[in-house]
Amino acid sequence: MARVRVLLPADAPAPDLPDGVELRRYAVAADVTAALAGADGDAVLCSDALDAADLADVAAAVRAAPGTVVEVRSAPWDGETHSPLGAACAGVIAGFGAEGVRAAALLLLRAAR
């Protein structure tokens, strides 16, 4: 069983992920909500491909998830513009691309020890 689940857009490059991390690809927001509902631990969510209209539903799934969820945005973010998803997550890492995904996964793995 993976301790951390990484949710990436279907076409996003996958970073080198450490042991204990399960990679799940998503095409639509419903894939993300299902993956979060089925998670048995913490999750990293790369939100790059999510439509703004779906963010409230995904945020609700984050709040219902059994573990900690960290949002990763490949592009920079000002940290002030409101996002229902960012507000629901335990943290947001922005501006580091695929390395942000790796960093979030490592953070959650270390916190689980």
N, C-alpha and C. Protein backbone atom coordinates (compact mmCIF):
# COMPACT_ATOMS: atom_id res chain seq x y z
N MET A 1 0.82 -1.18 0.00
CA MET A 1 0.00 0.00 0.00
C MET A 1 0.87 1.25 0.00
N ALA A 2 0.59 2.16 -0.92
CA ALA A 2 1.34 3.40 -0.98
C ALA A 2 0.91 4.32 0.16
N ARG A 3 1.87 5.00 0.74
CA ARG A 3 1.57 5.95 1.81
C ARG A 3 1.19 7.31 1.24
N VAL A 4 1.64 7.59 0.02
CA VAL A 4 1.34 8.87 -0.63
C VAL A 4 0.89 8.58 -2.05
N ARG A 5 -0.20 9.20 -2.44
CA ARG A 5 -0.73 9.09 -3.80
C ARG A 5 -0.49 10.43 -4.51
N VAL A 6 0.11 10.38 -5.69
CA VAL A 6 0.35 11.57 -6.50
C VAL A 6 -0.64 11.55 -7.66
N LEU A 7 -1.39 12.64 -7.79
CA LEU A 7 -2.38 12.77 -8.86
C LEU A 7 -1.87 13.78 -9.87
N LEU A 8 -1.59 13.31 -11.08
CA LEU A 8 -1.03 14.15 -12.14
C LEU A 8 -1.96 14.18 -13.34
N PRO A 9 -2.00 15.33 -14.04
CA PRO A 9 -2.74 15.37 -15.31
C PRO A 9 -2.19 14.30 -16.26
N ALA A 10 -3.05 13.80 -17.12
CA ALA A 10 -2.68 12.71 -18.02
C ALA A 10 -1.45 13.02 -18.86
N ASP A 11 -1.26 14.28 -19.24
CA ASP A 11 -0.16 14.62 -20.12
C ASP A 11 1.02 15.30 -19.43
N ALA A 12 1.00 15.35 -18.12
CA ALA A 12 2.09 16.01 -17.38
C ALA A 12 3.30 15.08 -17.27
N PRO A 13 4.50 15.65 -17.34
CA PRO A 13 5.69 14.81 -17.15
C PRO A 13 5.76 14.32 -15.70
N ALA A 14 6.10 13.07 -15.54
CA ALA A 14 6.20 12.50 -14.20
C ALA A 14 7.60 12.71 -13.65
N PRO A 15 7.70 13.23 -12.44
CA PRO A 15 9.01 13.35 -11.81
C PRO A 15 9.48 11.99 -11.31
N ASP A 16 10.74 11.91 -10.96
CA ASP A 16 11.27 10.71 -10.33
C ASP A 16 10.70 10.66 -8.92
N LEU A 17 9.86 9.68 -8.65
CA LEU A 17 9.18 9.60 -7.36
C LEU A 17 9.82 8.53 -6.49
N PRO A 18 9.91 8.77 -5.19
CA PRO A 18 10.53 7.80 -4.28
C PRO A 18 9.61 6.61 -4.01
N ASP A 19 10.18 5.56 -3.41
CA ASP A 19 9.39 4.41 -2.99
C ASP A 19 8.32 4.87 -2.01
N GLY A 20 7.19 4.20 -2.03
CA GLY A 20 6.09 4.55 -1.14
C GLY A 20 5.12 5.54 -1.75
N VAL A 21 5.33 5.85 -3.04
CA VAL A 21 4.46 6.81 -3.74
C VAL A 21 3.79 6.10 -4.90
N GLU A 22 2.48 6.27 -4.98
CA GLU A 22 1.69 5.71 -6.07
C GLU A 22 1.32 6.85 -7.03
N LEU A 23 1.59 6.69 -8.31
CA LEU A 23 1.26 7.69 -9.31
C LEU A 23 -0.08 7.34 -9.94
N ARG A 24 -0.99 8.31 -9.94
CA ARG A 24 -2.29 8.18 -10.60
C ARG A 24 -2.45 9.33 -11.58
N ARG A 25 -2.84 9.02 -12.79
CA ARG A 25 -3.10 10.03 -13.82
C ARG A 25 -4.59 10.37 -13.83
N TYR A 26 -4.91 11.63 -14.17
CA TYR A 26 -6.32 12.01 -14.31
C TYR A 26 -6.54 12.78 -15.60
N ALA A 27 -7.75 12.61 -16.14
CA ALA A 27 -8.15 13.33 -17.35
C ALA A 27 -9.19 14.41 -17.03
N VAL A 28 -10.05 14.12 -16.05
CA VAL A 28 -11.12 15.05 -15.68
C VAL A 28 -11.21 15.12 -14.15
N ALA A 29 -11.93 16.11 -13.66
CA ALA A 29 -12.05 16.32 -12.22
C ALA A 29 -12.65 15.12 -11.51
N ALA A 30 -13.56 14.41 -12.15
CA ALA A 30 -14.16 13.23 -11.53
C ALA A 30 -13.11 12.16 -11.22
N ASP A 31 -12.07 12.08 -12.04
CA ASP A 31 -10.97 11.14 -11.76
C ASP A 31 -10.26 11.52 -10.47
N VAL A 32 -10.11 12.83 -10.24
CA VAL A 32 -9.43 13.32 -9.03
C VAL A 32 -10.28 13.03 -7.80
N THR A 33 -11.57 13.33 -7.86
CA THR A 33 -12.43 13.11 -6.69
C THR A 33 -12.49 11.62 -6.35
N ALA A 34 -12.54 10.76 -7.36
CA ALA A 34 -12.55 9.31 -7.11
C ALA A 34 -11.24 8.84 -6.50
N ALA A 35 -10.12 9.35 -7.00
CA ALA A 35 -8.81 8.96 -6.47
C ALA A 35 -8.64 9.42 -5.03
N LEU A 36 -9.13 10.61 -4.72
CA LEU A 36 -9.05 11.09 -3.33
C LEU A 36 -9.95 10.28 -2.41
N ALA A 37 -11.12 9.93 -2.88
CA ALA A 37 -12.05 9.13 -2.06
C ALA A 37 -11.49 7.75 -1.77
N GLY A 38 -10.71 7.21 -2.71
CA GLY A 38 -10.15 5.88 -2.54
C GLY A 38 -8.77 5.87 -1.92
N ALA A 39 -8.25 7.02 -1.56
CA ALA A 39 -6.91 7.09 -0.98
C ALA A 39 -6.90 6.51 0.43
N ASP A 40 -5.78 5.90 0.78
CA ASP A 40 -5.64 5.36 2.13
C ASP A 40 -4.54 6.09 2.90
N GLY A 41 -4.15 7.23 2.38
CA GLY A 41 -3.10 8.03 3.03
C GLY A 41 -3.14 9.44 2.50
N ASP A 42 -1.98 10.06 2.47
CA ASP A 42 -1.87 11.44 2.02
C ASP A 42 -1.80 11.51 0.49
N ALA A 43 -2.00 12.72 -0.04
CA ALA A 43 -1.99 12.87 -1.50
C ALA A 43 -1.36 14.19 -1.92
N VAL A 44 -0.76 14.14 -3.09
CA VAL A 44 -0.24 15.33 -3.78
C VAL A 44 -1.09 15.49 -5.02
N LEU A 45 -1.66 16.67 -5.19
CA LEU A 45 -2.54 16.94 -6.33
C LEU A 45 -1.94 18.03 -7.20
N CYS A 46 -1.49 17.68 -8.39
CA CYS A 46 -1.03 18.67 -9.36
C CYS A 46 -2.28 19.17 -10.08
N SER A 47 -2.64 20.42 -9.82
CA SER A 47 -3.93 20.95 -10.27
C SER A 47 -3.88 21.63 -11.63
N ASP A 48 -2.80 21.51 -12.35
CA ASP A 48 -2.61 22.25 -13.60
C ASP A 48 -3.72 22.06 -14.62
N ALA A 49 -4.31 20.88 -14.72
CA ALA A 49 -5.29 20.60 -15.76
C ALA A 49 -6.74 20.73 -15.30
N LEU A 50 -6.95 21.16 -14.08
CA LEU A 50 -8.33 21.28 -13.58
C LEU A 50 -8.97 22.57 -14.08
N ASP A 51 -10.23 22.47 -14.51
CA ASP A 51 -10.99 23.64 -14.92
C ASP A 51 -11.42 24.42 -13.69
N ALA A 52 -11.45 25.73 -13.80
CA ALA A 52 -11.87 26.58 -12.68
C ALA A 52 -13.27 26.22 -12.20
N ALA A 53 -14.13 25.81 -13.12
CA ALA A 53 -15.51 25.46 -12.76
C ALA A 53 -15.59 24.21 -11.88
N ASP A 54 -14.54 23.40 -11.88
CA ASP A 54 -14.53 22.16 -11.10
C ASP A 54 -13.83 22.29 -9.75
N LEU A 55 -13.21 23.43 -9.46
CA LEU A 55 -12.39 23.56 -8.25
C LEU A 55 -13.18 23.40 -6.97
N ALA A 56 -14.41 23.87 -6.91
CA ALA A 56 -15.21 23.72 -5.69
C ALA A 56 -15.50 22.25 -5.40
N ASP A 57 -15.82 21.48 -6.43
CA ASP A 57 -16.08 20.04 -6.23
C ASP A 57 -14.82 19.30 -5.79
N VAL A 58 -13.70 19.64 -6.41
CA VAL A 58 -12.45 18.99 -6.02
C VAL A 58 -12.07 19.40 -4.59
N ALA A 59 -12.31 20.66 -4.24
CA ALA A 59 -12.03 21.12 -2.87
C ALA A 59 -12.87 20.34 -1.86
N ALA A 60 -14.11 20.06 -2.18
CA ALA A 60 -14.96 19.26 -1.28
C ALA A 60 -14.38 17.86 -1.11
N ALA A 61 -13.86 17.28 -2.19
CA ALA A 61 -13.23 15.95 -2.11
C ALA A 61 -11.96 16.00 -1.27
N VAL A 62 -11.22 17.10 -1.36
CA VAL A 62 -10.02 17.26 -0.54
C VAL A 62 -10.39 17.30 0.94
N ARG A 63 -11.42 18.07 1.27
CA ARG A 63 -11.85 18.16 2.68
C ARG A 63 -12.33 16.82 3.22
N ALA A 64 -12.89 15.97 2.35
CA ALA A 64 -13.39 14.66 2.78
C ALA A 64 -12.31 13.58 2.74
N ALA A 65 -11.18 13.87 2.14
CA ALA A 65 -10.10 12.87 2.01
C ALA A 65 -9.59 12.45 3.38
N PRO A 66 -9.18 11.19 3.51
CA PRO A 66 -8.74 10.69 4.81
C PRO A 66 -7.39 11.22 5.28
N GLY A 67 -6.59 11.74 4.38
CA GLY A 67 -5.25 12.20 4.75
C GLY A 67 -5.02 13.65 4.37
N THR A 68 -3.78 14.05 4.49
CA THR A 68 -3.36 15.39 4.12
C THR A 68 -3.23 15.48 2.60
N VAL A 69 -3.68 16.60 2.03
CA VAL A 69 -3.54 16.83 0.59
C VAL A 69 -2.77 18.13 0.38
N VAL A 70 -1.73 18.05 -0.45
CA VAL A 70 -0.95 19.22 -0.83
C VAL A 70 -1.18 19.49 -2.31
N GLU A 71 -1.53 20.71 -2.64
CA GLU A 71 -1.72 21.10 -4.03
C GLU A 71 -0.37 21.55 -4.61
N VAL A 72 -0.12 21.16 -5.85
CA VAL A 72 1.07 21.61 -6.57
C VAL A 72 0.61 22.28 -7.86
N ARG A 73 1.14 23.48 -8.08
CA ARG A 73 0.90 24.22 -9.33
C ARG A 73 2.25 24.38 -10.00
N SER A 74 2.34 24.01 -11.25
CA SER A 74 3.62 24.12 -11.96
C SER A 74 4.07 25.56 -12.13
N ALA A 75 3.11 26.43 -12.38
CA ALA A 75 3.42 27.85 -12.60
C ALA A 75 3.43 28.61 -11.28
N PRO A 76 4.09 29.75 -11.24
CA PRO A 76 4.08 30.58 -10.02
C PRO A 76 2.66 31.03 -9.67
N TRP A 77 2.46 31.30 -8.39
CA TRP A 77 1.18 31.78 -7.87
C TRP A 77 1.50 32.87 -6.86
N ASP A 78 0.68 33.90 -6.79
CA ASP A 78 0.98 35.01 -5.89
C ASP A 78 0.67 34.71 -4.42
N GLY A 79 -0.01 33.61 -4.16
CA GLY A 79 -0.32 33.22 -2.78
C GLY A 79 -1.46 34.00 -2.17
N GLU A 80 -2.02 34.92 -2.92
CA GLU A 80 -3.11 35.74 -2.40
C GLU A 80 -4.41 35.56 -3.18
N THR A 81 -4.31 35.30 -4.47
CA THR A 81 -5.51 35.11 -5.27
C THR A 81 -6.27 33.91 -4.74
N HIS A 82 -7.57 34.12 -4.46
CA HIS A 82 -8.37 33.06 -3.83
C HIS A 82 -8.51 31.85 -4.74
N SER A 83 -8.38 30.70 -4.14
CA SER A 83 -8.64 29.42 -4.80
C SER A 83 -9.33 28.52 -3.80
N PRO A 84 -10.53 28.03 -4.12
CA PRO A 84 -11.19 27.10 -3.19
C PRO A 84 -10.36 25.84 -2.96
N LEU A 85 -9.62 25.43 -3.98
CA LEU A 85 -8.78 24.24 -3.83
C LEU A 85 -7.60 24.51 -2.91
N GLY A 86 -6.92 25.63 -3.14
CA GLY A 86 -5.81 26.00 -2.27
C GLY A 86 -6.22 26.14 -0.82
N ALA A 87 -7.42 26.68 -0.61
CA ALA A 87 -7.93 26.86 0.76
C ALA A 87 -8.22 25.53 1.43
N ALA A 88 -8.62 24.52 0.65
CA ALA A 88 -8.96 23.22 1.22
C ALA A 88 -7.73 22.36 1.51
N CYS A 89 -6.65 22.62 0.79
CA CYS A 89 -5.43 21.82 0.94
C CYS A 89 -4.61 22.27 2.15
N ALA A 90 -3.77 21.37 2.64
CA ALA A 90 -2.91 21.69 3.78
C ALA A 90 -1.79 22.63 3.38
N GLY A 91 -1.47 22.68 2.09
CA GLY A 91 -0.43 23.56 1.61
C GLY A 91 -0.45 23.62 0.10
N VAL A 92 0.23 24.63 -0.44
CA VAL A 92 0.34 24.81 -1.89
C VAL A 92 1.82 25.04 -2.22
N ILE A 93 2.32 24.29 -3.19
CA ILE A 93 3.66 24.50 -3.71
C ILE A 93 3.47 24.96 -5.15
N ALA A 94 4.03 26.12 -5.49
CA ALA A 94 3.82 26.67 -6.83
C ALA A 94 5.13 27.16 -7.43
N GLY A 95 5.24 26.97 -8.75
CA GLY A 95 6.34 27.55 -9.49
C GLY A 95 7.55 26.66 -9.69
N PHE A 96 7.48 25.40 -9.30
CA PHE A 96 8.64 24.52 -9.41
C PHE A 96 8.44 23.37 -10.39
N GLY A 97 7.34 23.36 -11.11
CA GLY A 97 7.08 22.30 -12.09
C GLY A 97 7.04 20.93 -11.45
N ALA A 98 7.58 19.95 -12.18
CA ALA A 98 7.57 18.56 -11.70
C ALA A 98 8.36 18.40 -10.40
N GLU A 99 9.35 19.24 -10.18
CA GLU A 99 10.12 19.15 -8.94
C GLU A 99 9.26 19.52 -7.72
N GLY A 100 8.26 20.35 -7.92
CA GLY A 100 7.32 20.65 -6.84
C GLY A 100 6.52 19.43 -6.43
N VAL A 101 6.17 18.60 -7.40
CA VAL A 101 5.45 17.35 -7.11
C VAL A 101 6.34 16.42 -6.29
N ARG A 102 7.57 16.28 -6.71
CA ARG A 102 8.53 15.42 -5.98
C ARG A 102 8.73 15.94 -4.56
N ALA A 103 8.91 17.25 -4.42
CA ALA A 103 9.13 17.84 -3.09
C ALA A 103 7.92 17.61 -2.18
N ALA A 104 6.72 17.75 -2.71
CA ALA A 104 5.53 17.53 -1.90
C ALA A 104 5.42 16.07 -1.46
N ALA A 105 5.72 15.15 -2.39
CA ALA A 105 5.68 13.73 -2.04
C ALA A 105 6.69 13.40 -0.94
N LEU A 106 7.90 13.92 -1.07
CA LEU A 106 8.92 13.68 -0.04
C LEU A 106 8.50 14.26 1.31
N LEU A 107 7.91 15.44 1.28
CA LEU A 107 7.44 16.07 2.52
C LEU A 107 6.41 15.19 3.22
N LEU A 108 5.44 14.70 2.46
CA LEU A 108 4.39 13.86 3.05
C LEU A 108 4.93 12.52 3.53
N LEU A 109 5.88 11.95 2.79
CA LEU A 109 6.49 10.69 3.24
C LEU A 109 7.23 10.88 4.56
N ARG A 110 7.97 11.96 4.67
CA ARG A 110 8.72 12.23 5.91
C ARG A 110 7.78 12.50 7.07
N ALA A 111 6.69 13.19 6.81
CA ALA A 111 5.72 13.50 7.88
C ALA A 111 5.02 12.24 8.37
N ALA A 112 4.92 11.23 7.51
CA ALA A 112 4.24 9.99 7.88
C ALA A 112 5.08 9.08 8.76
N ARG A 113 6.36 9.36 8.87
CA ARG A 113 7.26 8.50 9.66
C ARG A 113 7.00 8.61 11.13
